[in-house]
N, C-alpha and C. Protein backbone atom coordinates (compact mmCIF):
# COMPACT_ATOMS: atom_id res chain seq x y z
N MET A 1 -27.24 -15.71 -10.83
CA MET A 1 -27.88 -16.71 -11.67
C MET A 1 -27.85 -18.06 -10.95
N LYS A 2 -28.93 -18.79 -11.13
CA LYS A 2 -29.06 -20.11 -10.51
C LYS A 2 -29.00 -21.17 -11.60
N ASN A 3 -28.35 -22.28 -11.31
CA ASN A 3 -28.25 -23.40 -12.23
C ASN A 3 -28.91 -24.62 -11.59
N ILE A 4 -29.69 -25.33 -12.41
CA ILE A 4 -30.36 -26.54 -11.94
C ILE A 4 -30.50 -27.49 -13.11
N THR A 5 -30.46 -28.78 -12.83
CA THR A 5 -30.69 -29.78 -13.87
C THR A 5 -32.01 -30.47 -13.58
N LEU A 6 -32.88 -30.47 -14.57
CA LEU A 6 -34.19 -31.09 -14.45
C LEU A 6 -34.26 -32.34 -15.30
N ARG A 7 -34.88 -33.38 -14.79
CA ARG A 7 -35.12 -34.59 -15.56
C ARG A 7 -36.44 -34.39 -16.30
N VAL A 8 -36.40 -34.62 -17.61
CA VAL A 8 -37.58 -34.39 -18.45
C VAL A 8 -37.87 -35.65 -19.27
N GLU A 9 -39.04 -36.20 -19.09
CA GLU A 9 -39.46 -37.41 -19.83
C GLU A 9 -40.19 -37.01 -21.11
N GLY A 10 -40.00 -37.81 -22.15
CA GLY A 10 -40.74 -37.62 -23.39
C GLY A 10 -39.93 -37.00 -24.52
N MET A 11 -38.70 -36.60 -24.26
CA MET A 11 -37.87 -36.01 -25.31
C MET A 11 -37.14 -37.11 -26.07
N SER A 12 -37.12 -37.00 -27.42
CA SER A 12 -36.46 -38.05 -28.18
C SER A 12 -35.76 -37.57 -29.45
N CYS A 13 -35.91 -36.29 -29.82
CA CYS A 13 -35.37 -35.85 -31.10
C CYS A 13 -35.01 -34.36 -31.08
N GLY A 14 -34.52 -33.90 -32.20
CA GLY A 14 -34.14 -32.49 -32.34
C GLY A 14 -35.31 -31.55 -32.12
N HIS A 15 -36.48 -31.94 -32.57
CA HIS A 15 -37.66 -31.10 -32.35
C HIS A 15 -37.91 -30.91 -30.86
N CYS A 16 -37.74 -31.98 -30.10
CA CYS A 16 -37.94 -31.91 -28.65
C CYS A 16 -36.95 -30.93 -28.02
N VAL A 17 -35.69 -31.01 -28.45
CA VAL A 17 -34.66 -30.11 -27.95
C VAL A 17 -35.06 -28.66 -28.22
N ASN A 18 -35.46 -28.37 -29.46
CA ASN A 18 -35.85 -27.01 -29.82
C ASN A 18 -37.07 -26.53 -29.04
N ALA A 19 -38.03 -27.43 -28.85
CA ALA A 19 -39.25 -27.06 -28.13
C ALA A 19 -38.94 -26.70 -26.67
N VAL A 20 -38.14 -27.51 -26.01
CA VAL A 20 -37.82 -27.27 -24.60
C VAL A 20 -36.93 -26.03 -24.45
N GLU A 21 -35.88 -25.95 -25.26
CA GLU A 21 -34.99 -24.80 -25.15
C GLU A 21 -35.71 -23.50 -25.53
N GLY A 22 -36.60 -23.56 -26.52
CA GLY A 22 -37.38 -22.39 -26.91
C GLY A 22 -38.35 -21.96 -25.82
N ALA A 23 -38.98 -22.92 -25.16
CA ALA A 23 -39.91 -22.61 -24.07
C ALA A 23 -39.18 -21.93 -22.92
N LEU A 24 -37.97 -22.37 -22.65
CA LEU A 24 -37.18 -21.75 -21.58
C LEU A 24 -36.84 -20.31 -21.92
N LYS A 25 -36.46 -20.08 -23.17
CA LYS A 25 -36.14 -18.71 -23.60
C LYS A 25 -37.34 -17.78 -23.45
N GLU A 26 -38.52 -18.30 -23.76
CA GLU A 26 -39.74 -17.48 -23.68
C GLU A 26 -40.03 -17.00 -22.26
N VAL A 27 -39.63 -17.78 -21.24
CA VAL A 27 -39.88 -17.36 -19.86
C VAL A 27 -38.68 -16.65 -19.24
N GLY A 28 -37.61 -16.48 -20.01
CA GLY A 28 -36.46 -15.73 -19.52
C GLY A 28 -35.35 -16.58 -18.92
N ALA A 29 -35.35 -17.86 -19.24
CA ALA A 29 -34.29 -18.76 -18.78
C ALA A 29 -33.52 -19.27 -19.99
N SER A 30 -32.41 -19.94 -19.75
CA SER A 30 -31.71 -20.59 -20.85
C SER A 30 -31.46 -22.03 -20.44
N GLY A 31 -31.41 -22.90 -21.44
CA GLY A 31 -31.23 -24.32 -21.12
C GLY A 31 -30.51 -25.07 -22.21
N LYS A 32 -29.89 -26.17 -21.81
CA LYS A 32 -29.21 -27.06 -22.73
C LYS A 32 -29.72 -28.46 -22.47
N VAL A 33 -30.39 -29.02 -23.48
CA VAL A 33 -30.99 -30.35 -23.36
C VAL A 33 -29.94 -31.42 -23.64
N ASN A 34 -29.98 -32.50 -22.86
CA ASN A 34 -29.17 -33.69 -23.10
C ASN A 34 -30.15 -34.84 -23.30
N LEU A 35 -30.31 -35.26 -24.56
CA LEU A 35 -31.28 -36.33 -24.85
C LEU A 35 -30.89 -37.66 -24.22
N GLU A 36 -29.60 -37.95 -24.17
CA GLU A 36 -29.16 -39.24 -23.62
C GLU A 36 -29.56 -39.40 -22.16
N SER A 37 -29.39 -38.34 -21.38
CA SER A 37 -29.73 -38.43 -19.96
C SER A 37 -31.16 -37.95 -19.68
N LYS A 38 -31.88 -37.56 -20.73
CA LYS A 38 -33.25 -37.06 -20.59
C LYS A 38 -33.30 -35.93 -19.56
N SER A 39 -32.40 -34.96 -19.74
CA SER A 39 -32.34 -33.86 -18.79
C SER A 39 -32.09 -32.54 -19.50
N VAL A 40 -32.32 -31.47 -18.76
CA VAL A 40 -32.02 -30.13 -19.27
C VAL A 40 -31.34 -29.35 -18.16
N ALA A 41 -30.19 -28.77 -18.51
CA ALA A 41 -29.46 -27.91 -17.58
C ALA A 41 -30.00 -26.50 -17.78
N VAL A 42 -30.56 -25.93 -16.72
CA VAL A 42 -31.23 -24.63 -16.82
C VAL A 42 -30.47 -23.59 -16.02
N GLU A 43 -30.33 -22.41 -16.63
CA GLU A 43 -29.75 -21.26 -15.94
C GLU A 43 -30.81 -20.17 -15.95
N TYR A 44 -31.06 -19.59 -14.77
CA TYR A 44 -32.10 -18.56 -14.68
C TYR A 44 -31.84 -17.61 -13.53
N ASP A 45 -32.47 -16.46 -13.59
CA ASP A 45 -32.38 -15.45 -12.55
C ASP A 45 -33.62 -15.58 -11.67
N GLU A 46 -33.44 -15.99 -10.44
CA GLU A 46 -34.57 -16.23 -9.53
C GLU A 46 -35.43 -14.98 -9.30
N SER A 47 -34.86 -13.82 -9.50
CA SER A 47 -35.63 -12.59 -9.30
C SER A 47 -36.55 -12.29 -10.50
N LYS A 48 -36.33 -13.01 -11.60
CA LYS A 48 -37.14 -12.76 -12.80
C LYS A 48 -38.08 -13.90 -13.17
N VAL A 49 -37.72 -15.12 -12.82
CA VAL A 49 -38.56 -16.27 -13.16
C VAL A 49 -38.42 -17.34 -12.08
N SER A 50 -39.53 -17.96 -11.74
CA SER A 50 -39.52 -19.00 -10.70
C SER A 50 -39.27 -20.38 -11.32
N LEU A 51 -38.80 -21.29 -10.49
CA LEU A 51 -38.61 -22.66 -10.93
C LEU A 51 -39.94 -23.26 -11.36
N GLU A 52 -41.01 -22.92 -10.65
CA GLU A 52 -42.34 -23.42 -11.00
C GLU A 52 -42.74 -22.98 -12.41
N LYS A 53 -42.44 -21.74 -12.76
CA LYS A 53 -42.76 -21.21 -14.10
C LYS A 53 -41.93 -21.93 -15.17
N ILE A 54 -40.69 -22.25 -14.85
CA ILE A 54 -39.83 -22.99 -15.78
C ILE A 54 -40.40 -24.38 -16.03
N LYS A 55 -40.76 -25.07 -14.96
CA LYS A 55 -41.35 -26.41 -15.11
C LYS A 55 -42.64 -26.35 -15.91
N GLU A 56 -43.46 -25.35 -15.65
CA GLU A 56 -44.73 -25.18 -16.36
C GLU A 56 -44.49 -24.96 -17.85
N ALA A 57 -43.48 -24.17 -18.20
CA ALA A 57 -43.17 -23.90 -19.61
C ALA A 57 -42.78 -25.19 -20.34
N ILE A 58 -42.01 -26.04 -19.68
CA ILE A 58 -41.60 -27.32 -20.28
C ILE A 58 -42.82 -28.23 -20.42
N GLU A 59 -43.62 -28.32 -19.38
CA GLU A 59 -44.80 -29.18 -19.41
C GLU A 59 -45.82 -28.71 -20.43
N ASP A 60 -45.90 -27.40 -20.67
CA ASP A 60 -46.82 -26.87 -21.69
C ASP A 60 -46.44 -27.32 -23.10
N GLN A 61 -45.19 -27.76 -23.27
CA GLN A 61 -44.73 -28.27 -24.57
C GLN A 61 -45.04 -29.76 -24.72
N GLY A 62 -45.60 -30.38 -23.68
CA GLY A 62 -46.00 -31.78 -23.75
C GLY A 62 -45.03 -32.75 -23.11
N TYR A 63 -44.08 -32.25 -22.32
CA TYR A 63 -43.09 -33.11 -21.66
C TYR A 63 -43.36 -33.14 -20.17
N ASP A 64 -42.84 -34.16 -19.50
CA ASP A 64 -43.04 -34.30 -18.06
C ASP A 64 -41.75 -34.03 -17.32
N VAL A 65 -41.79 -33.07 -16.40
CA VAL A 65 -40.67 -32.81 -15.52
C VAL A 65 -40.84 -33.70 -14.32
N VAL A 66 -39.85 -34.58 -14.08
CA VAL A 66 -39.96 -35.54 -12.97
C VAL A 66 -38.91 -35.30 -11.91
């Protein structure tokens, strides 16, 4: 399993947390959002999902991965 922390702009509330964490689950990753630091700690299996796919899933929810 690989762990990475991504900076995500546009998150501000519980709905944002649920949207990002839910999007990660849909692509086969898991994540924990930290609203204060505007980041998400992601754990994923590189053989099952790419980092690009993870970023795309977050951006599809309306947030910017920077």
